[in-house]
Every structure is written in structure tokens, then in C-alpha cells.
Amino acid sequence: MQITVHASSRPFMGLVWEGFAMADMPKVVTARVAARYVGLSESTLAKLRLNGNGPVYCKLGRRVVYRPADLDQWLESRTARDTSDADARFLKALTMTHPR
């Protein structure tokens, strides 16, 4: 079976995977892939994870992985109406701990 990958609006990591059934799709992605997907550096994503302000993640042994649906949900929660709102929220997320 030949699998072709096409750029798309954003189904899974910006790619459409033809020839794959849903069961064949990756259920989790690495922190590196997740950082690229949300447009942050790995270190920024790690800081957000440490403070509890990043996307929901899973620990598999020592590995940190993310579910694509959780990344999409986190991105949706980060929408802002203007730049001052977005800047203030992002800087606060990097410096403050998330209430648990």
C-alpha cells in the first residue's frame, strides 16, 4: 500500500494521511513534534508544562507525549481579542504557576 501525505488546512499536524485508517493514526506525539505543532520551542513548552499552563500531556515512563486533540484544545483556549490581552496572558503563563 502506498501512503501519500498532502498539506491541508489542519486535520492532523497540517497533513492529510491518505491510506490510513483512524486506528493507524498516531495517538500521541513527542514533545518536539508538539512544540512544532503549536509554534513554540521545546524549552518554552517545557516551561509551560512545569508551571501547569501548557497543554495537557501524558507521561509514558520518562517520555512526555501529547495527544493531538489536547494540543488543539489548548490552542483554542489561547485565542485573544487583541494583542495586549494575548501578550499579558502569555507572559503570565510563563512566570506564574497554574492553580490546581
Protein backbone atom coordinates (compact mmCIF):
# COMPACT_ATOMS: atom_id res chain seq x y z
CA MET A 1 0.00 0.00 0.00
CA GLN A 2 1.37 3.43 -0.92
CA ILE A 3 0.71 6.25 1.51
CA THR A 4 0.64 9.82 0.30
CA VAL A 5 0.80 12.88 2.52
CA HIS A 6 -0.65 16.22 1.44
CA ALA A 7 -0.56 19.65 3.07
CA SER A 8 -4.00 20.67 4.26
CA SER A 9 -5.80 23.19 6.42
CA ARG A 10 -5.09 21.26 9.63
CA PRO A 11 -6.58 17.83 10.16
CA PHE A 12 -3.63 16.22 11.91
CA MET A 13 -0.43 18.22 12.22
CA GLY A 14 -1.28 20.02 8.98
CA LEU A 15 -1.28 16.78 6.99
CA VAL A 16 -3.89 14.55 5.42
CA TRP A 17 -2.89 10.90 5.62
CA GLU A 18 -4.45 9.02 2.74
CA GLY A 19 -4.45 5.27 3.02
CA PHE A 20 -4.51 5.31 6.83
CA ALA A 21 -7.47 4.23 8.91
CA MET A 22 -8.13 6.13 12.15
CA ALA A 23 -6.57 3.25 14.08
CA ASP A 24 -3.33 3.82 12.15
CA MET A 25 -3.03 7.47 13.19
CA PRO A 26 -0.57 8.21 16.00
CA LYS A 27 -2.44 8.59 19.28
CA VAL A 28 0.37 10.64 20.81
CA VAL A 29 3.23 12.81 19.56
CA THR A 30 6.57 13.67 21.13
CA ALA A 31 7.26 16.97 22.88
CA ARG A 32 9.38 18.03 19.89
CA VAL A 33 6.52 17.44 17.44
CA ALA A 34 4.01 19.04 19.83
CA ALA A 35 6.17 22.16 20.17
CA ARG A 36 6.41 22.47 16.41
CA TYR A 37 2.67 21.94 16.06
CA VAL A 38 1.76 24.75 18.47
CA GLY A 39 4.52 27.04 17.21
CA LEU A 40 6.70 27.14 20.33
CA SER A 41 10.21 25.99 21.13
CA GLU A 42 10.63 22.78 23.09
CA SER A 43 12.04 24.73 26.04
CA THR A 44 9.04 27.08 26.14
CA LEU A 45 6.68 24.13 26.03
CA ALA A 46 8.65 22.53 28.89
CA LYS A 47 8.37 25.73 30.97
CA LEU A 48 4.64 25.87 30.37
CA ARG A 49 4.38 22.21 31.36
CA LEU A 50 6.37 22.86 34.55
CA ASN A 51 4.09 25.73 35.52
CA GLY A 52 0.92 23.85 34.62
CA ASN A 53 -0.01 26.34 31.90
CA GLY A 54 0.74 24.25 28.83
CA PRO A 55 -1.34 21.67 27.03
CA VAL A 56 -2.39 18.50 28.82
CA TYR A 57 0.33 15.87 28.47
CA CYS A 58 0.92 12.21 29.27
CA LYS A 59 3.94 10.55 30.84
CA LEU A 60 4.92 7.19 29.38
CA GLY A 61 7.83 6.10 31.52
CA ARG A 62 10.23 9.02 31.22
CA ARG A 63 8.74 10.22 27.96
CA VAL A 64 6.43 13.21 27.75
CA VAL A 65 3.89 12.88 24.96
CA TYR A 66 0.86 14.85 23.83
CA ARG A 67 -2.44 13.85 22.26
CA PRO A 68 -3.20 15.93 19.14
CA ALA A 69 -6.73 16.66 20.41
CA ASP A 70 -5.28 18.14 23.62
CA LEU A 71 -2.96 20.37 21.59
CA ASP A 72 -5.89 21.64 19.52
CA GLN A 73 -7.95 22.26 22.66
CA TRP A 74 -5.09 24.20 24.28
CA LEU A 75 -4.62 26.31 21.15
CA GLU A 76 -8.33 27.14 21.14
CA SER A 77 -8.09 28.22 24.79
CA ARG A 78 -5.28 30.64 23.88
CA THR A 79 -7.29 32.79 21.47
CA ALA A 80 -7.35 36.51 22.24
CA ARG A 81 -9.26 39.54 21.03
CA ASP A 82 -6.30 41.94 20.90
CA THR A 83 -2.53 41.94 21.24
CA SER A 84 -2.41 43.35 24.78
CA ASP A 85 -4.64 40.53 26.01
CA ALA A 86 -2.53 37.88 24.26
CA ASP A 87 0.82 39.33 25.42
CA ALA A 88 -0.28 39.64 29.03
CA ARG A 89 -1.68 36.11 29.13
CA PHE A 90 1.38 34.55 27.50
CA LEU A 91 3.90 36.29 29.78
CA LYS A 92 1.81 35.46 32.83
CA ALA A 93 1.70 31.80 31.76
CA LEU A 94 5.49 31.67 31.66
CA THR A 95 6.03 33.24 35.08
CA MET A 96 3.15 32.13 37.29
CA THR A 97 2.09 28.72 38.49
CA HIS A 98 -1.27 27.40 37.45
CA PRO A 99 -3.82 27.00 40.28
CA ARG A 100 -4.58 23.34 40.83
